[in-house]
Every structure is written in structure tokens, then in C-alpha cells.
Amino acid sequence: MESQKNRLLVRLLFVVALTVQSSCSESVEDVDVCANRTASLVGDTMCSLNNVPFVWAPEYEVAIVYITSTWSEIATFNSSAEDTIAKEAFLSYCVRFKNNMFNFMKKVNDDQNGSDETKKDVTSWYKHIEYLASNGPVDQDLRSFQNTFQNAFKHLVIKASQVVGKTNNNETRLYINDFTKGVVVMLLETIKSVSKQIRGLPKQLASDR
């Protein structure tokens, strides 16, 4: 009964996120309006608790939590095929993230108004993503990847928020906003793909017999 209530709550949050999405602008400066609207509808989110300065972040957070939570309904959690789908998807995400972040790191390092501390922080961040992309995900199953994908979102937006907070150049701040949202969209597409592949496994297995 408790798990059913949790699923209903997550679905409600997802519907609310879609409502918020239709009313929020893309401007970084409008973050207070969107954050207050989201908080009034669903309460505190990870983004609001960590003061994430991106107007689009709360709705994407709710969507990512919702989609990964549905895996509890569509998966068997004892299939090596499900685990493989999640691992390959996460590796693909890390590789694409690394490739995109190289240009991001260069942009930040070229910012004459940026602090040395920020540049070192971003370089360290890039090396971390590069390590994940080169070594692949650790030995995890689908259930653990539910948290891995959610934590990937949290890590991304909090690190980007730290960079924004140390940047004085408004053009660079906007670039960080666009870059971060692009990666989040990529993450969302990745977990949608995982869901689609898991749903298709029974048909695929039946056709292979």
C-alpha cells in the first residue's frame, strides 16, 4: 500500500512539473518566480533546497525522478538484460557529457573575468566525467541505477550552480545555463530510452523464441 501511495505521489509531481513547464520562461533571472511556483505546488525539491539558480531545473528534476521510479513497475529486477540496458545507457550519457563538457571547460577557461578557483573547479569536474566515460559504470543492477541517474542530475546542477556563483561575466553565466540544460535534456532522453527498451524486452524475448 505504501509503495502504491509513493507511485501516486510521484505521478502527481510529474503532472505538476508539466504545468510549471508551460508557465516558466527560459530566463535565469526568472528563477525566483518559477521556484516559488513549484514550491507552492509540490513543496521543496532538491533544487530548491540547494538554491539551484536555473529556472528549468525543478521541472526536470521531477520528470527524472518520475521516470526512474516507473522502472519499479515495468521491470523484473532479476534480468541481466535490464541491467545491461541501464549500464550501456549510463556509459553513453557519460561519453556524450564528456565530449560536450570539453567545450564548456574551454569556454570557462577563456573567460578573462573568471576566477582561477572556478577554472580549477571546472577542470577537476571535467576530469571526473572523463574518468567515468573511460572506465564505464561500476557493477550495478537496474535498481541501483535508479539512484545513479537521479544522483547524476543532482551532481550536474549543483556543480553548475557553483560555477555560476563564481562567475561575474553575464554572457558566461548564460552559457553555463544553456550548457547545463542541454546536458539535463540529454540525461532525460537517456532514461526515457532505458524505459522504452525495458518495456520492449518481453516482446523481444518472445520473438527470439
N, C-alpha and C. Protein backbone atom coordinates (compact mmCIF):
# COMPACT_ATOMS: atom_id res chain seq x y z
N MET A 1 0.83 -1.20 0.00
CA MET A 1 0.00 0.00 0.00
C MET A 1 0.87 1.26 0.00
N GLU A 2 1.96 1.20 0.82
CA GLU A 2 2.85 2.36 0.91
C GLU A 2 3.51 2.66 -0.43
N SER A 3 3.96 1.60 -1.12
CA SER A 3 4.62 1.80 -2.42
C SER A 3 3.64 2.36 -3.44
N GLN A 4 2.38 1.96 -3.36
CA GLN A 4 1.36 2.48 -4.27
C GLN A 4 1.14 3.97 -4.02
N LYS A 5 1.14 4.38 -2.76
CA LYS A 5 0.99 5.80 -2.43
C LYS A 5 2.17 6.60 -2.97
N ASN A 6 3.36 6.03 -2.85
CA ASN A 6 4.55 6.72 -3.34
C ASN A 6 4.50 6.90 -4.84
N ARG A 7 4.03 5.89 -5.56
CA ARG A 7 3.92 5.99 -7.01
C ARG A 7 2.91 7.05 -7.41
N LEU A 8 1.80 7.10 -6.67
CA LEU A 8 0.79 8.13 -6.97
C LEU A 8 1.34 9.53 -6.72
N LEU A 9 2.15 9.67 -5.66
CA LEU A 9 2.75 10.97 -5.35
C LEU A 9 3.71 11.39 -6.46
N VAL A 10 4.52 10.46 -6.93
CA VAL A 10 5.47 10.78 -7.99
C VAL A 10 4.75 11.19 -9.26
N ARG A 11 3.65 10.49 -9.58
CA ARG A 11 2.89 10.84 -10.77
C ARG A 11 2.28 12.23 -10.64
N LEU A 12 1.82 12.56 -9.44
CA LEU A 12 1.27 13.89 -9.20
C LEU A 12 2.35 14.95 -9.41
N LEU A 13 3.54 14.68 -8.90
CA LEU A 13 4.65 15.63 -9.08
C LEU A 13 4.97 15.83 -10.55
N PHE A 14 4.89 14.76 -11.33
CA PHE A 14 5.18 14.85 -12.76
C PHE A 14 4.16 15.72 -13.46
N VAL A 15 2.89 15.55 -13.13
CA VAL A 15 1.84 16.38 -13.72
C VAL A 15 2.05 17.84 -13.36
N VAL A 16 2.40 18.08 -12.12
CA VAL A 16 2.66 19.45 -11.68
C VAL A 16 3.83 20.04 -12.43
N ALA A 17 4.87 19.22 -12.68
CA ALA A 17 6.05 19.71 -13.41
C ALA A 17 5.67 20.15 -14.81
N LEU A 18 4.79 19.40 -15.46
CA LEU A 18 4.36 19.79 -16.81
C LEU A 18 3.60 21.10 -16.77
N THR A 19 2.81 21.30 -15.69
CA THR A 19 2.09 22.56 -15.54
C THR A 19 3.05 23.72 -15.37
N VAL A 20 4.06 23.51 -14.53
CA VAL A 20 5.05 24.55 -14.30
C VAL A 20 5.82 24.86 -15.57
N GLN A 21 6.16 23.82 -16.34
CA GLN A 21 6.93 23.99 -17.56
C GLN A 21 6.24 24.95 -18.52
N SER A 22 4.92 24.87 -18.62
CA SER A 22 4.19 25.68 -19.57
C SER A 22 4.14 27.15 -19.17
N SER A 23 4.44 27.45 -17.91
CA SER A 23 4.29 28.81 -17.42
C SER A 23 5.62 29.49 -17.10
N CYS A 24 6.73 28.74 -17.13
CA CYS A 24 8.02 29.31 -16.77
C CYS A 24 8.82 29.69 -18.01
N SER A 25 9.50 30.81 -17.94
CA SER A 25 10.33 31.25 -19.06
C SER A 25 11.70 30.60 -18.99
N GLU A 26 12.57 30.92 -19.97
CA GLU A 26 13.90 30.35 -20.02
C GLU A 26 14.93 31.23 -19.32
N SER A 27 14.55 32.39 -18.88
CA SER A 27 15.50 33.36 -18.33
C SER A 27 16.02 32.93 -16.97
N VAL A 28 17.33 33.04 -16.78
CA VAL A 28 17.92 32.71 -15.49
C VAL A 28 17.37 33.66 -14.42
N GLU A 29 17.10 34.90 -14.80
CA GLU A 29 16.64 35.90 -13.83
C GLU A 29 15.26 35.58 -13.30
N ASP A 30 14.48 34.76 -13.99
CA ASP A 30 13.12 34.44 -13.56
C ASP A 30 13.07 33.25 -12.61
N VAL A 31 14.22 32.81 -12.11
CA VAL A 31 14.27 31.61 -11.30
C VAL A 31 13.39 31.72 -10.06
N ASP A 32 13.32 32.89 -9.42
CA ASP A 32 12.53 33.03 -8.20
C ASP A 32 11.05 32.78 -8.47
N VAL A 33 10.56 33.29 -9.59
CA VAL A 33 9.15 33.10 -9.95
C VAL A 33 8.83 31.63 -10.12
N CYS A 34 9.67 30.93 -10.90
CA CYS A 34 9.43 29.51 -11.18
C CYS A 34 9.62 28.67 -9.92
N ALA A 35 10.68 28.95 -9.17
CA ALA A 35 10.94 28.16 -7.96
C ALA A 35 9.82 28.32 -6.95
N ASN A 36 9.31 29.55 -6.79
CA ASN A 36 8.21 29.77 -5.86
C ASN A 36 6.94 29.06 -6.31
N ARG A 37 6.69 29.05 -7.64
CA ARG A 37 5.52 28.38 -8.18
C ARG A 37 5.62 26.86 -7.93
N THR A 38 6.79 26.31 -8.19
CA THR A 38 6.99 24.87 -7.98
C THR A 38 6.84 24.53 -6.50
N ALA A 39 7.47 25.33 -5.63
CA ALA A 39 7.41 25.05 -4.20
C ALA A 39 5.99 25.13 -3.67
N SER A 40 5.19 26.07 -4.21
CA SER A 40 3.82 26.22 -3.73
C SER A 40 2.96 25.03 -4.14
N LEU A 41 3.34 24.35 -5.21
CA LEU A 41 2.55 23.21 -5.71
C LEU A 41 3.00 21.88 -5.14
N VAL A 42 4.30 21.67 -5.04
CA VAL A 42 4.80 20.35 -4.64
C VAL A 42 5.66 20.38 -3.39
N GLY A 43 5.95 21.55 -2.86
CA GLY A 43 6.84 21.62 -1.71
C GLY A 43 8.29 21.70 -2.15
N ASP A 44 9.20 21.54 -1.22
CA ASP A 44 10.62 21.66 -1.53
C ASP A 44 11.09 20.53 -2.43
N THR A 45 11.95 20.89 -3.37
CA THR A 45 12.63 19.91 -4.22
C THR A 45 14.12 19.95 -3.89
N MET A 46 14.87 19.00 -4.43
CA MET A 46 16.31 19.03 -4.25
C MET A 46 16.87 20.35 -4.76
N CYS A 47 16.34 20.83 -5.89
CA CYS A 47 16.83 22.07 -6.49
C CYS A 47 16.59 23.27 -5.58
N SER A 48 15.40 23.34 -5.00
CA SER A 48 15.10 24.48 -4.15
C SER A 48 15.88 24.41 -2.84
N LEU A 49 16.08 23.23 -2.31
CA LEU A 49 16.83 23.07 -1.07
C LEU A 49 18.30 23.45 -1.24
N ASN A 50 18.81 23.26 -2.47
CA ASN A 50 20.21 23.58 -2.74
C ASN A 50 20.38 24.91 -3.47
N ASN A 51 19.27 25.67 -3.56
CA ASN A 51 19.32 27.00 -4.20
C ASN A 51 19.89 26.95 -5.61
N VAL A 52 19.45 25.98 -6.39
CA VAL A 52 19.91 25.86 -7.78
C VAL A 52 19.35 27.01 -8.61
N PRO A 53 20.19 27.82 -9.24
CA PRO A 53 19.74 29.05 -9.90
C PRO A 53 19.33 28.87 -11.36
N PHE A 54 18.65 27.78 -11.67
CA PHE A 54 18.22 27.55 -13.04
C PHE A 54 16.70 27.39 -13.06
N VAL A 55 16.03 28.23 -13.83
CA VAL A 55 14.57 28.28 -13.81
C VAL A 55 13.94 26.96 -14.23
N TRP A 56 14.60 26.23 -15.09
CA TRP A 56 14.05 24.99 -15.64
C TRP A 56 14.31 23.77 -14.75
N ALA A 57 15.20 23.89 -13.76
CA ALA A 57 15.70 22.73 -13.03
C ALA A 57 14.63 21.95 -12.26
N PRO A 58 13.71 22.61 -11.52
CA PRO A 58 12.75 21.82 -10.73
C PRO A 58 11.88 20.88 -11.57
N GLU A 59 11.42 21.36 -12.73
CA GLU A 59 10.56 20.51 -13.55
C GLU A 59 11.32 19.30 -14.08
N TYR A 60 12.58 19.50 -14.45
CA TYR A 60 13.37 18.37 -14.95
C TYR A 60 13.69 17.40 -13.82
N GLU A 61 13.92 17.93 -12.65
CA GLU A 61 14.17 17.04 -11.51
C GLU A 61 12.97 16.12 -11.27
N VAL A 62 11.78 16.70 -11.26
CA VAL A 62 10.57 15.91 -11.03
C VAL A 62 10.38 14.87 -12.14
N ALA A 63 10.63 15.27 -13.38
CA ALA A 63 10.47 14.35 -14.51
C ALA A 63 11.43 13.17 -14.40
N ILE A 64 12.68 13.46 -14.04
CA ILE A 64 13.68 12.39 -13.94
C ILE A 64 13.36 11.45 -12.79
N VAL A 65 12.93 12.00 -11.65
CA VAL A 65 12.52 11.15 -10.53
C VAL A 65 11.33 10.29 -10.92
N TYR A 66 10.38 10.89 -11.63
CA TYR A 66 9.18 10.14 -12.04
C TYR A 66 9.54 8.97 -12.96
N ILE A 67 10.30 9.25 -13.99
CA ILE A 67 10.59 8.21 -14.99
C ILE A 67 11.39 7.07 -14.37
N THR A 68 12.42 7.39 -13.60
CA THR A 68 13.20 6.31 -12.99
C THR A 68 12.37 5.53 -11.98
N SER A 69 11.42 6.19 -11.33
CA SER A 69 10.56 5.49 -10.37
C SER A 69 9.64 4.49 -11.06
N THR A 70 9.25 4.76 -12.29
CA THR A 70 8.37 3.83 -13.01
C THR A 70 9.06 2.51 -13.33
N TRP A 71 10.38 2.49 -13.26
CA TRP A 71 11.08 1.23 -13.51
C TRP A 71 10.67 0.16 -12.51
N SER A 72 10.24 0.58 -11.33
CA SER A 72 9.79 -0.38 -10.32
C SER A 72 8.52 -1.10 -10.77
N GLU A 73 7.79 -0.50 -11.70
CA GLU A 73 6.54 -1.10 -12.18
C GLU A 73 6.73 -1.92 -13.45
N ILE A 74 7.70 -1.53 -14.29
CA ILE A 74 7.82 -2.18 -15.60
C ILE A 74 8.95 -3.20 -15.65
N ALA A 75 9.82 -3.24 -14.63
CA ALA A 75 10.98 -4.13 -14.67
C ALA A 75 10.79 -5.33 -13.75
N THR A 76 11.58 -6.37 -14.01
CA THR A 76 11.54 -7.56 -13.16
C THR A 76 12.60 -7.50 -12.06
N PHE A 77 13.66 -6.72 -12.29
CA PHE A 77 14.78 -6.56 -11.37
C PHE A 77 15.54 -7.87 -11.14
N ASN A 78 15.34 -8.82 -12.00
CA ASN A 78 16.17 -10.03 -11.96
C ASN A 78 16.62 -10.42 -13.35
N SER A 79 16.66 -9.45 -14.23
CA SER A 79 17.03 -9.69 -15.62
C SER A 79 18.37 -9.04 -15.93
N SER A 80 19.32 -9.84 -16.40
CA SER A 80 20.61 -9.29 -16.78
C SER A 80 20.47 -8.35 -17.97
N ALA A 81 19.43 -8.58 -18.79
CA ALA A 81 19.19 -7.71 -19.94
C ALA A 81 18.83 -6.30 -19.48
N GLU A 82 18.03 -6.19 -18.42
CA GLU A 82 17.67 -4.88 -17.86
C GLU A 82 18.90 -4.16 -17.32
N ASP A 83 19.75 -4.92 -16.62
CA ASP A 83 20.97 -4.32 -16.07
C ASP A 83 21.87 -3.80 -17.19
N THR A 84 21.98 -4.60 -18.25
CA THR A 84 22.84 -4.22 -19.37
C THR A 84 22.33 -2.95 -20.05
N ILE A 85 21.02 -2.85 -20.21
CA ILE A 85 20.42 -1.66 -20.83
C ILE A 85 20.79 -0.42 -20.03
N ALA A 86 20.65 -0.49 -18.71
CA ALA A 86 20.94 0.66 -17.86
C ALA A 86 22.43 1.02 -17.88
N LYS A 87 23.28 0.01 -17.84
CA LYS A 87 24.73 0.27 -17.83
C LYS A 87 25.18 0.91 -19.13
N GLU A 88 24.72 0.38 -20.24
CA GLU A 88 25.11 0.93 -21.54
C GLU A 88 24.57 2.35 -21.71
N ALA A 89 23.37 2.60 -21.21
CA ALA A 89 22.79 3.94 -21.30
C ALA A 89 23.58 4.94 -20.47
N PHE A 90 23.98 4.53 -19.27
CA PHE A 90 24.74 5.44 -18.42
C PHE A 90 26.12 5.73 -19.00
N LEU A 91 26.74 4.72 -19.57
CA LEU A 91 28.05 4.93 -20.22
C LEU A 91 27.92 5.88 -21.39
N SER A 92 26.87 5.69 -22.19
CA SER A 92 26.64 6.58 -23.33
C SER A 92 26.45 8.01 -22.87
N TYR A 93 25.69 8.18 -21.78
CA TYR A 93 25.48 9.52 -21.21
C TYR A 93 26.80 10.15 -20.79
N CYS A 94 27.65 9.37 -20.11
CA CYS A 94 28.93 9.89 -19.63
C CYS A 94 29.84 10.30 -20.79
N VAL A 95 29.87 9.50 -21.85
CA VAL A 95 30.72 9.80 -23.00
C VAL A 95 30.25 11.09 -23.69
N ARG A 96 28.95 11.19 -23.89
CA ARG A 96 28.41 12.40 -24.53
C ARG A 96 28.60 13.62 -23.64
N PHE A 97 28.43 13.45 -22.35
CA PHE A 97 28.64 14.51 -21.39
C PHE A 97 30.09 14.99 -21.45
N LYS A 98 31.03 14.04 -21.48
CA LYS A 98 32.45 14.40 -21.54
C LYS A 98 32.76 15.21 -22.79
N ASN A 99 32.25 14.76 -23.92
CA ASN A 99 32.51 15.46 -25.19
C ASN A 99 31.96 16.89 -25.16
N ASN A 100 30.76 17.05 -24.62
CA ASN A 100 30.17 18.39 -24.52
C ASN A 100 30.91 19.25 -23.50
N MET A 101 31.38 18.63 -22.44
CA MET A 101 32.00 19.40 -21.37
C MET A 101 33.38 19.90 -21.75
N PHE A 102 34.03 19.28 -22.69
CA PHE A 102 35.34 19.76 -23.12
C PHE A 102 35.22 21.19 -23.65
N ASN A 103 34.21 21.43 -24.47
CA ASN A 103 33.99 22.78 -24.99
C ASN A 103 33.56 23.74 -23.88
N PHE A 104 32.78 23.22 -22.94
CA PHE A 104 32.35 24.03 -21.80
C PHE A 104 33.56 24.46 -20.97
N MET A 105 34.45 23.52 -20.70
CA MET A 105 35.65 23.81 -19.92
C MET A 105 36.50 24.86 -20.63
N LYS A 106 36.64 24.75 -21.94
CA LYS A 106 37.42 25.71 -22.70
C LYS A 106 36.81 27.11 -22.62
N LYS A 107 35.48 27.17 -22.70
CA LYS A 107 34.78 28.45 -22.62
C LYS A 107 35.02 29.11 -21.26
N VAL A 108 34.92 28.33 -20.19
CA VAL A 108 35.13 28.88 -18.85
C VAL A 108 36.58 29.33 -18.67
N ASN A 109 37.51 28.53 -19.15
CA ASN A 109 38.92 28.88 -19.00
C ASN A 109 39.31 30.10 -19.82
N ASP A 110 38.57 30.36 -20.90
CA ASP A 110 38.85 31.53 -21.73
C ASP A 110 38.19 32.81 -21.20
N ASP A 111 37.36 32.66 -20.16
CA ASP A 111 36.68 33.81 -19.58
C ASP A 111 37.68 34.64 -18.77
N GLN A 112 38.03 35.80 -19.27
CA GLN A 112 39.03 36.63 -18.60
C GLN A 112 38.55 37.13 -17.23
N ASN A 113 37.24 37.19 -17.06
CA ASN A 113 36.69 37.65 -15.78
C ASN A 113 36.49 36.51 -14.79
N GLY A 114 36.72 35.29 -15.25
CA GLY A 114 36.53 34.15 -14.38
C GLY A 114 37.68 33.99 -13.40
N SER A 115 37.38 33.47 -12.22
CA SER A 115 38.41 33.29 -11.20
C SER A 115 39.21 32.00 -11.47
N ASP A 116 40.44 31.98 -10.98
CA ASP A 116 41.27 30.79 -11.11
C ASP A 116 40.64 29.61 -10.37
N GLU A 117 39.98 29.92 -9.25
CA GLU A 117 39.32 28.86 -8.47
C GLU A 117 38.23 28.18 -9.29
N THR A 118 37.46 28.99 -10.03
CA THR A 118 36.40 28.44 -10.87
C THR A 118 36.98 27.56 -11.97
N LYS A 119 38.03 28.04 -12.60
CA LYS A 119 38.65 27.30 -13.70
C LYS A 119 39.21 25.96 -13.22
N LYS A 120 39.82 25.97 -12.04
CA LYS A 120 40.34 24.72 -11.47
C LYS A 120 39.19 23.77 -11.14
N ASP A 121 38.10 24.33 -10.63
CA ASP A 121 36.94 23.53 -10.25
C ASP A 121 36.34 22.85 -11.48
N VAL A 122 36.22 23.60 -12.58
CA VAL A 122 35.64 23.05 -13.80
C VAL A 122 36.57 22.01 -14.42
N THR A 123 37.87 22.28 -14.38
CA THR A 123 38.84 21.31 -14.91
C THR A 123 38.77 20.00 -14.12
N SER A 124 38.65 20.10 -12.81
CA SER A 124 38.52 18.91 -11.96
C SER A 124 37.22 18.17 -12.28
N TRP A 125 36.16 18.92 -12.52
CA TRP A 125 34.88 18.34 -12.87
C TRP A 125 34.99 17.57 -14.19
N TYR A 126 35.65 18.17 -15.16
CA TYR A 126 35.84 17.51 -16.45
C TYR A 126 36.61 16.20 -16.29
N LYS A 127 37.64 16.21 -15.47
CA LYS A 127 38.46 15.00 -15.29
C LYS A 127 37.62 13.89 -14.65
N HIS A 128 36.70 14.28 -13.76
CA HIS A 128 35.82 13.29 -13.13
C HIS A 128 34.90 12.64 -14.17
N ILE A 129 34.30 13.46 -15.04
CA ILE A 129 33.43 12.93 -16.09
C ILE A 129 34.23 12.11 -17.09
N GLU A 130 35.43 12.57 -17.39
CA GLU A 130 36.30 11.83 -18.30
C GLU A 130 36.62 10.45 -17.74
N TYR A 131 36.85 10.38 -16.44
CA TYR A 131 37.12 9.09 -15.80
C TYR A 131 35.92 8.16 -15.93
N LEU A 132 34.71 8.68 -15.67
CA LEU A 132 33.50 7.86 -15.79
C LEU A 132 33.31 7.37 -17.22
N ALA A 133 33.57 8.26 -18.18
CA ALA A 133 33.39 7.90 -19.59
C ALA A 133 34.40 6.85 -20.04
N SER A 134 35.60 6.90 -19.47
CA SER A 134 36.67 5.97 -19.87
C SER A 134 36.55 4.62 -19.20
N ASN A 135 36.06 4.62 -17.96
CA ASN A 135 36.05 3.38 -17.18
C ASN A 135 34.67 2.73 -17.11
N GLY A 136 33.65 3.46 -17.53
CA GLY A 136 32.31 2.89 -17.52
C GLY A 136 31.73 2.85 -16.12
N PRO A 137 30.44 2.53 -16.03
CA PRO A 137 29.78 2.45 -14.71
C PRO A 137 30.29 1.26 -13.92
N VAL A 138 30.19 1.37 -12.61
CA VAL A 138 30.57 0.25 -11.76
C VAL A 138 29.55 -0.87 -11.92
N ASP A 139 29.86 -2.02 -11.33
CA ASP A 139 28.99 -3.18 -11.47
C ASP A 139 27.71 -2.95 -10.67
N GLN A 140 26.67 -2.49 -11.36
CA GLN A 140 25.40 -2.19 -10.70
C GLN A 140 24.25 -2.90 -11.43
N ASP A 141 23.15 -3.04 -10.71
CA ASP A 141 21.95 -3.58 -11.34
C ASP A 141 20.97 -2.44 -11.60
N LEU A 142 19.85 -2.75 -12.21
CA LEU A 142 18.89 -1.72 -12.60
C LEU A 142 18.39 -0.93 -11.40
N ARG A 143 18.17 -1.62 -10.29
CA ARG A 143 17.65 -0.92 -9.11
C ARG A 143 18.62 0.15 -8.63
N SER A 144 19.91 -0.17 -8.63
CA SER A 144 20.89 0.82 -8.19
C SER A 144 21.03 1.96 -9.19
N PHE A 145 20.75 1.67 -10.47
CA PHE A 145 20.82 2.72 -11.48
C PHE A 145 19.68 3.72 -11.35
N GLN A 146 18.61 3.34 -10.69
CA GLN A 146 17.55 4.31 -10.40
C GLN A 146 18.13 5.49 -9.62
N ASN A 147 18.94 5.18 -8.61
CA ASN A 147 19.58 6.23 -7.83
C ASN A 147 20.72 6.88 -8.58
N THR A 148 21.44 6.09 -9.36
CA THR A 148 22.59 6.63 -10.10
C THR A 148 22.18 7.73 -11.05
N PHE A 149 21.10 7.53 -11.79
CA PHE A 149 20.64 8.55 -12.73
C PHE A 149 20.12 9.79 -12.00
N GLN A 150 19.41 9.59 -10.90
CA GLN A 150 18.93 10.74 -10.12
C GLN A 150 20.10 11.52 -9.52
N ASN A 151 21.11 10.81 -9.04
CA ASN A 151 22.28 11.47 -8.48
C ASN A 151 23.09 12.18 -9.56
N ALA A 152 23.06 11.65 -10.77
CA ALA A 152 23.76 12.30 -11.88
C ALA A 152 23.15 13.68 -12.15
N PHE A 153 21.83 13.77 -12.08
CA PHE A 153 21.17 15.07 -12.24
C PHE A 153 21.57 16.01 -11.11
N LYS A 154 21.50 15.52 -9.89
CA LYS A 154 21.83 16.36 -8.74
C LYS A 154 23.27 16.86 -8.83
N HIS A 155 24.18 15.98 -9.14
CA HIS A 155 25.59 16.36 -9.24
C HIS A 155 25.78 17.42 -10.32
N LEU A 156 25.13 17.24 -11.44
CA LEU A 156 25.27 18.18 -12.56
C LEU A 156 24.82 19.58 -12.20
N VAL A 157 23.59 19.71 -11.70
CA VAL A 157 23.05 21.05 -11.47
C VAL A 157 23.71 21.75 -10.28
N ILE A 158 24.15 20.98 -9.28
CA ILE A 158 24.81 21.61 -8.15
C ILE A 158 26.21 22.09 -8.54
N LYS A 159 26.95 21.28 -9.30
CA LYS A 159 28.27 21.71 -9.77
C LYS A 159 28.14 22.93 -10.67
N ALA A 160 27.16 22.92 -11.56
CA ALA A 160 26.96 24.06 -12.45
C ALA A 160 26.56 25.30 -11.66
N SER A 161 25.79 25.11 -10.61
CA SER A 161 25.38 26.23 -9.76
C SER A 161 26.59 26.86 -9.08
N GLN A 162 27.53 26.03 -8.66
CA GLN A 162 28.75 26.53 -8.04
C GLN A 162 29.56 27.37 -9.01
N VAL A 163 29.62 26.92 -10.26
CA VAL A 163 30.36 27.66 -11.29
C VAL A 163 29.69 29.00 -11.55
N VAL A 164 28.36 28.99 -11.66
CA VAL A 164 27.63 30.23 -11.89
C VAL A 164 27.87 31.23 -10.75
N GLY A 165 27.88 30.72 -9.54
CA GLY A 165 28.06 31.58 -8.39
C GLY A 165 29.41 32.27 -8.33
N LYS A 166 30.38 31.72 -9.03
CA LYS A 166 31.73 32.29 -9.02
C LYS A 166 32.05 33.06 -10.30
N THR A 167 31.05 33.23 -11.16
CA THR A 167 31.28 33.87 -12.46
C THR A 167 30.66 35.26 -12.49
N ASN A 168 31.45 36.24 -12.88
CA ASN A 168 30.98 37.62 -12.95
C ASN A 168 30.49 38.01 -14.34
N ASN A 169 30.95 37.30 -15.35
CA ASN A 169 30.59 37.61 -16.73
C ASN A 169 29.20 37.07 -17.04
N ASN A 170 28.25 37.97 -17.34
CA ASN A 170 26.87 37.56 -17.56
C ASN A 170 26.73 36.66 -18.79
N GLU A 171 27.55 36.93 -19.82
CA GLU A 171 27.50 36.08 -21.02
C GLU A 171 27.89 34.65 -20.69
N THR A 172 28.91 34.51 -19.85
CA THR A 172 29.35 33.18 -19.45
C THR A 172 28.30 32.51 -18.57
N ARG A 173 27.64 33.28 -17.72
CA ARG A 173 26.57 32.74 -16.88
C ARG A 173 25.45 32.16 -17.74
N LEU A 174 25.07 32.87 -18.79
CA LEU A 174 24.04 32.38 -19.70
C LEU A 174 24.51 31.13 -20.44
N TYR A 175 25.78 31.11 -20.80
CA TYR A 175 26.34 29.94 -21.48
C TYR A 175 26.29 28.73 -20.56
N ILE A 176 26.62 28.93 -19.28
CA ILE A 176 26.57 27.83 -18.31
C ILE A 176 25.14 27.31 -18.17
N ASN A 177 24.19 28.24 -18.14
CA ASN A 177 22.77 27.85 -18.07
C ASN A 177 22.39 26.99 -19.26
N ASP A 178 22.74 27.42 -20.46
CA ASP A 178 22.37 26.68 -21.67
C ASP A 178 23.08 25.33 -21.73
N PHE A 179 24.36 25.33 -21.37
CA PHE A 179 25.12 24.07 -21.37
C PHE A 179 24.51 23.06 -20.41
N THR A 180 24.22 23.52 -19.19
CA THR A 180 23.68 22.63 -18.17
C THR A 180 22.32 22.07 -18.58
N LYS A 181 21.48 22.93 -19.12
CA LYS A 181 20.17 22.45 -19.56
C LYS A 181 20.31 21.44 -20.69
N GLY A 182 21.26 21.67 -21.59
CA GLY A 182 21.48 20.73 -22.69
C GLY A 182 21.87 19.35 -22.18
N VAL A 183 22.71 19.32 -21.15
CA VAL A 183 23.11 18.02 -20.58
C VAL A 183 21.94 17.37 -19.87
N VAL A 184 21.13 18.16 -19.17
CA VAL A 184 19.96 17.62 -18.48
C VAL A 184 18.97 17.02 -19.48
N VAL A 185 18.76 17.71 -20.60
CA VAL A 185 17.88 17.18 -21.65
C VAL A 185 18.43 15.85 -22.15
N MET A 186 19.74 15.77 -22.33
CA MET A 186 20.38 14.54 -22.77
C MET A 186 20.17 13.43 -21.75
N LEU A 187 20.29 13.77 -20.45
CA LEU A 187 20.05 12.79 -19.39
C LEU A 187 18.61 12.30 -19.42
N LEU A 188 17.68 13.23 -19.60
CA LEU A 188 16.27 12.86 -19.66
C LEU A 188 15.98 11.94 -20.85
N GLU A 189 16.56 12.25 -21.99
CA GLU A 189 16.40 11.40 -23.16
C GLU A 189 16.97 10.01 -22.91
N THR A 190 18.08 9.95 -22.17
CA THR A 190 18.73 8.67 -21.87
C THR A 190 17.84 7.78 -21.02
N ILE A 191 17.24 8.32 -19.96
CA ILE A 191 16.41 7.48 -19.10
C ILE A 191 15.09 7.14 -19.78
N LYS A 192 14.61 8.01 -20.68
CA LYS A 192 13.43 7.65 -21.47
C LYS A 192 13.74 6.45 -22.35
N SER A 193 14.95 6.45 -22.92
CA SER A 193 15.36 5.33 -23.77
C SER A 193 15.45 4.03 -22.97
N VAL A 194 15.96 4.13 -21.73
CA VAL A 194 16.01 2.95 -20.86
C VAL A 194 14.61 2.40 -20.63
N SER A 195 13.67 3.27 -20.33
CA SER A 195 12.28 2.84 -20.09
C SER A 195 11.71 2.15 -21.33
N LYS A 196 11.94 2.74 -22.49
CA LYS A 196 11.40 2.18 -23.73
C LYS A 196 11.98 0.80 -24.01
N GLN A 197 13.28 0.65 -23.79
CA GLN A 197 13.92 -0.65 -24.04
C GLN A 197 13.45 -1.71 -23.06
N ILE A 198 13.27 -1.31 -21.79
CA ILE A 198 12.80 -2.28 -20.79
C ILE A 198 11.38 -2.74 -21.13
N ARG A 199 10.54 -1.79 -21.54
CA ARG A 199 9.17 -2.15 -21.91
C ARG A 199 9.15 -3.10 -23.11
N GLY A 200 10.14 -2.96 -23.97
CA GLY A 200 10.17 -3.79 -25.18
C GLY A 200 10.80 -5.16 -24.98
N LEU A 201 11.39 -5.40 -23.81
CA LEU A 201 12.07 -6.68 -23.59
C LEU A 201 11.15 -7.90 -23.70
N PRO A 202 9.94 -7.90 -23.11
CA PRO A 202 9.08 -9.10 -23.24
C PRO A 202 8.79 -9.45 -24.70
N LYS A 203 8.51 -8.45 -25.52
CA LYS A 203 8.25 -8.72 -26.94
C LYS A 203 9.50 -9.25 -27.64
N GLN A 204 10.63 -8.66 -27.27
CA GLN A 204 11.88 -9.10 -27.90
C GLN A 204 12.21 -10.54 -27.53
N LEU A 205 12.01 -10.86 -26.25
CA LEU A 205 12.30 -12.22 -25.80
C LEU A 205 11.36 -13.23 -26.44
N ALA A 206 10.09 -12.80 -26.61
CA ALA A 206 9.10 -13.69 -27.23
C ALA A 206 9.44 -13.96 -28.69
N SER A 207 9.93 -12.94 -29.39
CA SER A 207 10.26 -13.10 -30.79
C SER A 207 11.52 -13.92 -30.99
N ASP A 208 12.39 -13.98 -29.95
CA ASP A 208 13.63 -14.74 -30.06
C ASP A 208 13.41 -16.22 -29.81
N ARG A 209 12.24 -16.57 -29.32
CA ARG A 209 11.97 -17.99 -29.01
C ARG A 209 11.65 -18.77 -30.27
